Protein backbone atom coordinates (compact mmCIF):
# COMPACT_ATOMS: atom_id res chain seq x y z
CA UNK A 1 -76.54 37.71 -10.77
CA UNK A 2 -77.34 34.88 -12.30
CA UNK A 3 -78.69 34.19 -16.33
CA UNK A 4 -82.56 34.51 -15.21
CA UNK A 5 -82.19 37.71 -13.78
CA UNK A 6 -79.76 38.97 -16.06
CA UNK A 7 -82.64 38.19 -18.57
CA UNK A 8 -85.25 39.62 -17.02
CA UNK A 9 -83.11 43.06 -16.10
CA UNK A 10 -82.52 43.30 -19.78
CA UNK A 11 -86.04 42.87 -20.57
CA UNK A 12 -87.93 45.70 -18.35
CA UNK A 13 -84.68 48.10 -19.27
CA UNK A 14 -85.55 47.35 -22.88
CA UNK A 15 -89.57 47.84 -22.58
CA UNK A 16 -88.47 51.56 -20.34
CA UNK A 17 -86.35 52.31 -22.89
CA UNK A 18 -89.25 51.80 -25.98
CA UNK A 19 -90.30 54.62 -24.71
CA UNK A 20 -87.38 56.60 -25.93
CA UNK A 21 -87.63 54.96 -29.59
CA UNK A 22 -90.76 56.50 -29.74
CA UNK A 23 -89.17 59.75 -28.32
CA UNK A 24 -86.30 59.61 -31.12
CA UNK A 25 -89.27 58.31 -33.73
CA UNK A 26 -91.84 61.20 -32.49
CA UNK A 27 -89.25 63.79 -32.75
CA UNK A 28 -87.68 63.51 -35.82
CA UNK A 29 -90.36 62.45 -38.27
CA UNK A 30 -91.83 66.07 -37.72
CA UNK A 31 -88.72 67.30 -40.30
CA UNK A 32 -89.37 65.13 -43.14
CA UNK A 33 -93.47 65.35 -43.15
CA UNK A 34 -92.20 69.26 -42.95
CA UNK A 35 -92.10 69.85 -46.84
CA UNK A 36 -95.60 68.70 -47.01
CA UNK A 37 -97.74 69.55 -44.85
CA UNK A 38 -96.53 72.82 -45.09
CA UNK A 39 -97.88 73.05 -48.63
CA UNK A 40 -101.44 71.12 -47.05
CA UNK A 41 -101.96 73.37 -44.25
CA UNK A 42 -100.84 76.44 -46.23
CA UNK A 43 -98.04 77.99 -43.85
CA UNK A 44 -95.05 77.39 -46.22
CA UNK A 45 -94.54 81.06 -46.62
CA UNK A 46 -95.23 82.12 -42.79
CA UNK A 47 -91.90 81.27 -40.74
CA UNK A 48 -94.18 82.23 -37.36
CA UNK A 49 -96.14 79.14 -38.15
CA UNK A 50 -93.69 76.55 -39.11
CA UNK A 51 -92.38 77.91 -35.61
CA UNK A 52 -96.09 76.82 -33.96
CA UNK A 53 -95.98 73.13 -35.93
CA UNK A 54 -92.07 72.47 -35.08
CA UNK A 55 -92.76 74.02 -31.68
CA UNK A 56 -96.26 72.32 -29.85
CA UNK A 57 -94.77 69.12 -29.58
CA UNK A 58 -91.76 70.52 -27.29
CA UNK A 59 -94.16 72.60 -25.55
CA UNK A 60 -96.18 69.45 -24.79
CA UNK A 61 -92.91 68.17 -23.52
CA UNK A 62 -92.47 70.99 -21.22
CA UNK A 63 -95.89 69.94 -20.08
CA UNK A 64 -95.24 66.28 -19.67
CA UNK A 65 -92.03 66.66 -18.00
CA UNK A 66 -92.93 68.93 -15.56
CA UNK A 67 -95.47 66.83 -13.73
CA UNK A 68 -93.77 63.62 -14.07
CA UNK A 69 -91.49 63.82 -11.50
CA UNK A 70 -94.00 64.44 -8.57
CA UNK A 71 -96.59 61.67 -10.16
CA UNK A 72 -94.05 58.96 -10.79
CA UNK A 73 -92.89 59.86 -6.75
CA UNK A 74 -96.64 59.24 -6.12
CA UNK A 75 -97.91 56.08 -7.93
CA UNK A 76 -94.71 54.59 -9.39
CA UNK A 77 -92.38 54.67 -12.23
CA UNK A 78 -94.70 51.88 -13.97
CA UNK A 79 -97.44 53.59 -14.09
CA UNK A 80 -96.46 56.82 -15.87
CA UNK A 81 -94.25 54.76 -18.46
CA UNK A 82 -97.54 52.70 -19.60
CA UNK A 83 -99.48 56.33 -19.66
CA UNK A 84 -97.07 57.84 -21.68
CA UNK A 85 -97.56 54.66 -24.21
CA UNK A 86 -101.00 55.67 -24.78
CA UNK A 87 -100.10 59.54 -25.40
CA UNK A 88 -98.19 58.34 -27.73
CA UNK A 89 -100.55 55.84 -29.61
CA UNK A 90 -103.34 58.88 -29.29
CA UNK A 91 -100.66 61.86 -31.14
CA UNK A 92 -99.38 58.74 -33.68
CA UNK A 93 -102.93 58.52 -34.53
CA UNK A 94 -104.59 61.85 -34.78
CA UNK A 95 -101.73 63.62 -36.09
CA UNK A 96 -102.04 61.64 -39.22
CA UNK A 97 -105.93 62.13 -39.46
CA UNK A 98 -107.02 65.51 -39.00
CA UNK A 99 -107.09 68.02 -41.41
CA UNK A 100 -107.56 70.89 -39.13
CA UNK A 101 -103.98 72.99 -38.36
CA UNK A 102 -105.31 73.14 -34.89
CA UNK A 103 -105.90 69.58 -34.44
CA UNK A 104 -102.90 68.44 -35.76
CA UNK A 105 -101.42 70.90 -33.66
CA UNK A 106 -103.70 69.41 -30.19
CA UNK A 107 -102.60 65.93 -31.19
CA UNK A 108 -98.21 66.94 -31.56
CA UNK A 109 -98.94 68.03 -28.02
CA UNK A 110 -100.53 65.25 -26.93
CA UNK A 111 -97.60 63.40 -28.26
CA UNK A 112 -95.34 66.05 -26.98
CA UNK A 113 -96.46 65.31 -23.65
CA UNK A 114 -95.81 61.30 -23.79
CA UNK A 115 -92.65 62.31 -24.71
CA UNK A 116 -91.97 64.45 -21.24
CA UNK A 117 -93.05 61.29 -19.48
CA UNK A 118 -91.11 59.25 -21.24
CA UNK A 119 -88.02 61.29 -21.22
CA UNK A 120 -87.88 62.12 -17.17
CA UNK A 121 -88.84 58.21 -16.28
CA UNK A 122 -87.42 55.79 -18.47
CA UNK A 123 -83.61 56.78 -17.72
CA UNK A 124 -84.53 57.14 -13.76
CA UNK A 125 -86.05 53.53 -13.99
CA UNK A 126 -83.56 51.93 -15.83
CA UNK A 127 -80.76 53.69 -13.39
CA UNK A 128 -82.84 52.11 -10.18
CA UNK A 129 -83.46 48.96 -11.49
CA UNK A 130 -79.87 48.00 -12.58
CA UNK A 131 -76.28 47.27 -10.68
CA UNK A 132 -73.69 49.75 -10.49
CA UNK A 133 -71.26 48.47 -12.50
CA UNK A 134 -72.97 48.44 -15.70
CA UNK A 135 -75.64 50.88 -15.11
CA UNK A 136 -74.41 53.72 -17.50
CA UNK A 137 -74.29 51.15 -20.02
CA UNK A 138 -77.52 50.40 -19.22
CA UNK A 139 -79.12 53.74 -19.04
CA UNK A 140 -77.42 54.41 -22.74
CA UNK A 141 -79.69 51.78 -23.99
CA UNK A 142 -82.43 54.28 -23.73
CA UNK A 143 -80.28 56.58 -25.71
CA UNK A 144 -79.38 54.09 -28.12
CA UNK A 145 -83.93 53.46 -28.51
CA UNK A 146 -83.77 57.38 -28.94
CA UNK A 147 -81.24 56.97 -31.96
CA UNK A 148 -82.77 54.06 -33.67
CA UNK A 149 -86.35 55.88 -33.44
CA UNK A 150 -84.39 58.67 -35.01
CA UNK A 151 -83.36 56.70 -37.78
CA UNK A 152 -86.89 54.81 -38.14
CA UNK A 153 -88.62 57.79 -38.53
CA UNK A 154 -85.58 58.88 -41.22
CA UNK A 155 -85.99 55.28 -43.12
CA UNK A 156 -89.95 55.47 -43.07
CA UNK A 157 -89.90 59.22 -44.25
CA UNK A 158 -87.27 58.59 -46.78
CA UNK A 159 -89.63 55.27 -48.43
CA UNK A 160 -92.67 57.36 -47.92
CA UNK A 161 -91.75 60.31 -49.51
CA UNK A 162 -92.15 60.29 -53.48
CA UNK A 163 -90.21 61.56 -55.99
CA UNK A 164 -90.70 64.57 -55.97
CA UNK A 165 -89.89 65.82 -59.29
CA UNK A 166 -93.27 63.70 -60.72
CA UNK A 167 -95.99 66.08 -60.02
CA UNK A 168 -98.45 63.36 -59.58
CA UNK A 169 -96.23 61.89 -56.86
CA UNK A 170 -95.88 65.63 -54.94
CA UNK A 171 -99.75 65.86 -54.60
CA UNK A 172 -99.70 62.62 -53.03
CA UNK A 173 -96.99 63.64 -50.68
CA UNK A 174 -98.67 66.98 -49.81
CA UNK A 175 -102.50 64.70 -49.43
CA UNK A 176 -101.45 61.78 -47.72
CA UNK A 177 -97.18 61.49 -47.59
CA UNK A 178 -97.08 63.06 -44.72
CA UNK A 179 -100.50 61.26 -42.45
CA UNK A 180 -98.53 57.76 -43.00
CA UNK A 181 -94.99 59.00 -41.76
CA UNK A 182 -97.29 60.29 -37.95
CA UNK A 183 -99.45 56.91 -38.65
CA UNK A 184 -96.31 54.82 -38.85
CA UNK A 185 -95.96 55.60 -35.09
CA UNK A 186 -98.90 53.52 -34.07
CA UNK A 187 -96.53 50.16 -34.37
CA UNK A 188 -93.98 50.81 -31.99
CA UNK A 189 -96.33 52.51 -29.83
CA UNK A 190 -99.19 49.81 -29.36
CA UNK A 191 -96.07 47.11 -28.41
CA UNK A 192 -94.88 49.87 -25.87
CA UNK A 193 -98.24 49.64 -24.57
CA UNK A 194 -98.63 45.66 -24.71
CA UNK A 195 -95.29 45.41 -22.92
CA UNK A 196 -95.12 48.00 -20.28
CA UNK A 197 -97.88 46.19 -18.37
CA UNK A 198 -94.89 43.40 -17.98
CA UNK A 199 -92.71 45.40 -15.95
CA UNK A 200 -92.22 45.30 -12.69
CA UNK A 201 -91.93 48.63 -10.60
CA UNK A 202 -89.12 50.30 -9.26
CA UNK A 203 -86.86 48.23 -6.24
CA UNK A 204 -85.71 52.06 -4.87
CA UNK A 205 -89.46 53.33 -5.61
CA UNK A 206 -90.84 50.01 -3.59
CA UNK A 207 -88.57 50.63 -0.57
CA UNK A 208 -88.32 54.88 -0.92
CA UNK A 209 -92.55 54.22 -0.22
CA UNK A 210 -91.74 51.24 2.56
CA UNK A 211 -89.55 53.81 4.81
CA UNK A 212 -91.93 56.80 4.07
CA UNK A 213 -94.96 55.16 5.03
CA UNK A 214 -92.91 53.60 8.27
CA UNK A 215 -92.35 57.58 9.53
CA UNK A 216 -95.17 58.83 8.22
CA UNK A 217 -92.90 60.97 5.89
CA UNK A 218 -93.89 63.11 3.14
CA UNK A 219 -93.11 63.02 -0.25
CA UNK A 220 -90.14 65.38 -1.86
CA UNK A 221 -91.92 67.72 -3.68
CA UNK A 222 -90.74 70.85 -5.91
CA UNK A 223 -89.91 73.52 -3.18
CA UNK A 224 -87.31 70.49 -1.36
CA UNK A 225 -85.43 70.41 -4.94
CA UNK A 226 -84.56 73.88 -4.17
CA UNK A 227 -82.93 73.41 -1.11
CA UNK A 228 -79.26 75.07 -0.47
CA UNK A 229 -78.25 71.38 0.28
CA UNK A 230 -79.22 70.55 -3.48
CA UNK A 231 -77.88 74.01 -5.27
CA UNK A 232 -74.97 72.20 -6.98
CA UNK A 233 -76.40 69.20 -8.19
CA UNK A 234 -79.45 71.00 -9.37
CA UNK A 235 -77.26 73.30 -11.21
CA UNK A 236 -75.17 71.24 -12.57
CA UNK A 237 -77.82 68.52 -13.76
CA UNK A 238 -79.80 71.76 -15.29
CA UNK A 239 -76.91 73.16 -16.96
CA UNK A 240 -76.17 69.56 -17.90
CA UNK A 241 -79.59 69.04 -19.33
CA UNK A 242 -79.67 73.01 -21.61
CA UNK A 243 -76.40 72.18 -22.64
CA UNK A 244 -77.40 68.73 -24.42
CA UNK A 245 -79.89 71.01 -26.41
CA UNK A 246 -78.29 74.58 -26.57
CA UNK A 247 -75.01 72.15 -28.54
CA UNK A 248 -76.98 72.99 -31.20
CA UNK A 249 -77.06 69.20 -33.20
CA UNK A 250 -80.98 68.83 -32.76
CA UNK A 251 -81.31 71.53 -35.36
CA UNK A 252 -79.89 68.89 -37.81
CA UNK A 253 -82.54 66.64 -37.53
CA UNK A 254 -85.49 68.93 -37.11
CA UNK A 255 -84.29 71.95 -40.05
CA UNK A 256 -82.66 69.03 -42.26
CA UNK A 257 -84.39 70.43 -44.76
CA UNK A 258 -82.77 73.91 -44.61
CA UNK A 259 -78.74 73.01 -43.65
CA UNK A 260 -79.34 70.67 -46.47
CA UNK A 261 -80.62 73.23 -48.91
CA UNK A 262 -77.93 75.52 -47.94
CA UNK A 263 -75.54 72.52 -48.83
CA UNK A 264 -76.74 72.75 -51.89
CA UNK A 265 -78.97 69.54 -51.71
CA UNK A 266 -82.36 69.40 -53.12
CA UNK A 267 -85.21 67.44 -51.42
CA UNK A 268 -84.54 63.94 -52.57
CA UNK A 269 -80.70 64.31 -51.54
CA UNK A 270 -82.17 65.70 -48.47
CA UNK A 271 -83.91 62.50 -47.38
CA UNK A 272 -80.60 60.41 -48.45
CA UNK A 273 -78.02 62.62 -46.44
CA UNK A 274 -80.59 62.46 -43.57
CA UNK A 275 -80.00 58.33 -43.32
CA UNK A 276 -76.70 58.86 -43.91
CA UNK A 277 -77.19 61.28 -40.32
CA UNK A 278 -79.14 58.79 -38.92
CA UNK A 279 -76.69 55.45 -39.06
CA UNK A 280 -74.31 57.44 -37.48
CA UNK A 281 -76.04 58.07 -34.90
CA UNK A 282 -77.04 55.19 -34.28
CA UNK A 283 -72.94 53.43 -34.89
CA UNK A 284 -71.66 56.01 -32.54
CA UNK A 285 -74.12 55.35 -29.73
CA UNK A 286 -73.06 52.00 -29.96
CA UNK A 287 -69.41 52.96 -29.46
CA UNK A 288 -70.95 54.89 -26.28
CA UNK A 289 -72.31 51.73 -24.74
CA UNK A 290 -68.33 50.42 -24.89
CA UNK A 291 -66.92 53.60 -23.69
CA UNK A 292 -69.40 54.73 -21.20
CA UNK A 293 -67.99 52.39 -18.38
CA UNK A 294 -64.20 52.19 -19.51
CA UNK A 295 -63.82 55.64 -20.59
CA UNK A 296 -66.41 57.37 -17.71
CA UNK A 297 -69.14 60.20 -18.28
CA UNK A 298 -66.51 62.94 -17.08
CA UNK A 299 -64.51 62.12 -20.34
CA UNK A 300 -66.86 61.96 -22.64
CA UNK A 301 -69.07 65.14 -21.72
CA UNK A 302 -65.94 67.64 -22.25
CA UNK A 303 -65.18 65.37 -25.45
CA UNK A 304 -68.43 65.98 -26.75
CA UNK A 305 -68.30 69.81 -25.87
CA UNK A 306 -65.11 70.74 -27.03
CA UNK A 307 -64.87 68.74 -30.54
CA UNK A 308 -68.96 70.05 -31.18
CA UNK A 309 -67.16 73.63 -30.74
CA UNK A 310 -64.71 72.82 -33.27
CA UNK A 311 -66.86 70.93 -35.77
CA UNK A 312 -69.36 73.59 -35.54
CA UNK A 313 -66.50 76.71 -36.33
CA UNK A 314 -65.56 75.22 -38.75
CA UNK A 315 -69.01 74.39 -40.16
CA UNK A 316 -70.01 77.94 -39.72
CA UNK A 317 -66.98 78.72 -41.79
CA UNK A 318 -67.65 76.47 -44.69
CA UNK A 319 -71.24 78.11 -44.92
CA UNK A 320 -69.45 81.37 -44.55
CA UNK A 321 -67.11 80.90 -47.42
CA UNK A 322 -70.43 79.14 -49.57
CA UNK A 323 -68.64 75.48 -49.51
CA UNK A 324 -71.21 73.04 -51.13
CA UNK A 325 -71.35 69.29 -51.33
CA UNK A 326 -69.73 66.60 -49.83
CA UNK A 327 -67.73 68.40 -47.32
CA UNK A 328 -70.39 69.60 -45.77
CA UNK A 329 -72.06 66.69 -45.32
CA UNK A 330 -69.20 65.21 -43.84
CA UNK A 331 -68.69 67.65 -40.47
CA UNK A 332 -72.61 67.09 -40.33
CA UNK A 333 -71.93 63.38 -40.02
CA UNK A 334 -69.13 64.09 -37.61
CA UNK A 335 -70.81 66.78 -35.51
CA UNK A 336 -73.87 63.56 -35.25
CA UNK A 337 -71.50 61.32 -34.53
CA UNK A 338 -69.52 63.34 -31.80
CA UNK A 339 -72.67 64.02 -30.43
CA UNK A 340 -73.91 60.33 -30.53
CA UNK A 341 -71.06 59.27 -28.25
CA UNK A 342 -71.15 61.76 -25.55
CA UNK A 343 -73.53 64.22 -25.15
CA UNK A 344 -76.57 61.60 -26.46
CA UNK A 345 -76.47 59.52 -23.65
CA UNK A 346 -74.09 60.70 -20.78
CA UNK A 347 -76.54 63.39 -20.21
CA UNK A 348 -79.53 61.08 -19.38
CA UNK A 349 -77.26 58.59 -17.62
CA UNK A 350 -75.69 61.48 -15.05
CA UNK A 351 -78.72 63.13 -14.93
CA UNK A 352 -80.12 59.42 -13.86
CA UNK A 353 -77.27 59.18 -11.48
CA UNK A 354 -76.23 62.70 -9.55
CA UNK A 355 -79.35 63.38 -7.08
CA UNK A 356 -80.46 61.39 -4.34
CA UNK A 357 -82.97 58.71 -4.01
CA UNK A 358 -85.15 60.86 -1.67
CA UNK A 359 -85.65 63.73 -4.48
CA UNK A 360 -84.67 61.69 -8.09
CA UNK A 361 -87.98 62.06 -9.36
CA UNK A 362 -88.83 65.56 -8.80
CA UNK A 363 -85.28 66.49 -9.46
CA UNK A 364 -85.06 64.32 -13.00
CA UNK A 365 -88.37 66.05 -14.33
CA UNK A 366 -86.69 69.49 -13.30
CA UNK A 367 -83.85 69.11 -15.44
CA UNK A 368 -86.05 67.83 -18.00
CA UNK A 369 -88.33 70.91 -18.18
CA UNK A 370 -85.00 72.55 -18.31
CA UNK A 371 -83.85 69.99 -21.01
CA UNK A 372 -87.22 70.17 -23.24
CA UNK A 373 -87.43 74.65 -22.66
CA UNK A 374 -83.90 74.67 -24.09
CA UNK A 375 -85.17 72.48 -27.27
CA UNK A 376 -88.69 74.92 -27.47
CA UNK A 377 -85.84 77.92 -27.62
CA UNK A 378 -83.37 75.86 -30.02
CA UNK A 379 -86.04 74.84 -32.63
CA UNK A 380 -88.56 77.86 -32.24
CA UNK A 381 -85.50 80.30 -32.44
CA UNK A 382 -83.07 78.63 -35.89
CA UNK A 383 -85.23 80.05 -38.69
CA UNK A 384 -84.98 83.64 -37.64
CA UNK A 385 -81.41 82.93 -36.69
CA UNK A 386 -80.63 81.39 -40.28
CA UNK A 387 -82.64 84.38 -41.26
CA UNK A 388 -80.90 87.22 -39.52
CA UNK A 389 -77.41 85.48 -39.35
CA UNK A 390 -77.14 82.85 -41.96
CA UNK A 391 -76.12 79.85 -41.45
CA UNK A 392 -72.58 80.25 -40.83
CA UNK A 393 -73.37 82.90 -38.00
CA UNK A 394 -75.72 80.51 -36.39
CA UNK A 395 -73.18 78.08 -36.03
CA UNK A 396 -70.57 80.10 -35.01
CA UNK A 397 -72.76 80.62 -32.30
CA UNK A 398 -73.64 77.06 -31.57
CA UNK A 399 -69.52 76.75 -31.35
CA UNK A 400 -69.64 79.20 -29.01
CA UNK A 401 -71.80 77.47 -26.25
CA UNK A 402 -69.70 74.74 -26.40
CA UNK A 403 -67.13 76.30 -25.67
CA UNK A 404 -68.38 78.09 -22.47
CA UNK A 405 -70.44 74.65 -21.23
CA UNK A 406 -66.76 73.21 -21.92
CA UNK A 407 -65.57 75.46 -19.41
CA UNK A 408 -67.92 75.10 -16.67
CA UNK A 409 -68.52 71.40 -16.72
CA UNK A 410 -64.28 70.95 -16.55
CA UNK A 411 -64.70 72.57 -13.35
CA UNK A 412 -67.96 70.96 -11.88
CA UNK A 413 -68.52 67.87 -13.72
CA UNK A 414 -67.54 64.79 -11.23
CA UNK A 415 -66.75 61.37 -12.24
CA UNK A 416 -69.73 58.65 -11.37
CA UNK A 417 -69.21 55.25 -13.47
CA UNK A 418 -68.61 52.49 -10.97
CA UNK A 419 -70.46 54.05 -7.65
CA UNK A 420 -73.62 52.98 -6.48
CA UNK A 421 -76.46 55.30 -6.24
CA UNK A 422 -76.06 55.68 -2.15
CA UNK A 423 -72.43 56.16 -2.69
CA UNK A 424 -73.19 59.13 -5.20
CA UNK A 425 -75.04 60.76 -2.64
CA UNK A 426 -72.65 61.08 0.00
CA UNK A 427 -70.04 62.31 -2.18
CA UNK A 428 -72.29 64.93 -4.23
CA UNK A 429 -74.82 66.22 -1.38
CA UNK A 430 -73.38 64.22 2.06
CA UNK A 431 -69.96 65.05 2.27
């Protein structure tokens, strides 16, 4: 590829990956806003309503992921990415604007649909426009923008949340602080919308449309994904997708208040520690950009499963013996670092690679839907699990899930680095 081609490739991949940036911001910003909007809406003593507020966007993710694949295979990747940008913009404005709890959740649902669409299509689009030798690194750009979005939300939350020890500041936090946390998303959302108008359609999609038009072949439907010849690869994709959530790392972002409170930190200390975890998230995602092509996807995902299993076993034990302070922050940072280097980027890369061209859109949407089901159940269940089992029991369960996933992936996960999408189809489906 010449220099101009490389520049344009990076441009279209980065624009597509901006869906990941908004995904990361929208997904995590609620964790910092949580202590304040709960007081504003009067749900601070209602675990059920707290769970509803945290889960509404995730239900939107399910809806977005459910329709993304079929619509992308019919209309193309580019129009759906632009649509997700519109949804992010509307949600960012509405979530901070509404004073009614029901309308607040509707706005969160709309943003969730945007996340579901973007999370399903951004990795596909990048994989389809990237050459095989650098495909893993390019798809990992999507994860890089996700973690930058997460860090951006964490920094914005910390800067907007005023010192809670001053009564006037706490009043401002409850009335306005949480609103500006959501409104800040409008800037990158509008930028994503504008830039999405200048990217090209995926060449793989255009080629498939031409071939299907010439042969009068119909689009792949949901039922085709479940044909017997795809069972093994679909099962692999579903397990990888759900495990990325059930490994438990994401509760650290969504329930930082409870996790750091259990480790002995107040609200102000919570925000500082959240930013520390966000920095670790970015740094080790950068490491993943360089290791994913050298070490391979299989090696990294096995390191992630085993490493997180050991860290959560230790973390649960520390909670059990009521260890406080720096040790707990160090373990949380270790967990985030391992996740950022392994399961974070590798999951999206593998899901974008393992399915054949004909069903990639629908199959990716199916696995993304499963991923968000995993995220919903993880997010909704954590408050109840934490109350019933304590933080120690909760993290021990996550450790057990990581061990089970390690055993499955050791037997089933192939190496995909350096192979074209057509070569992988022959290897995984047509062998």
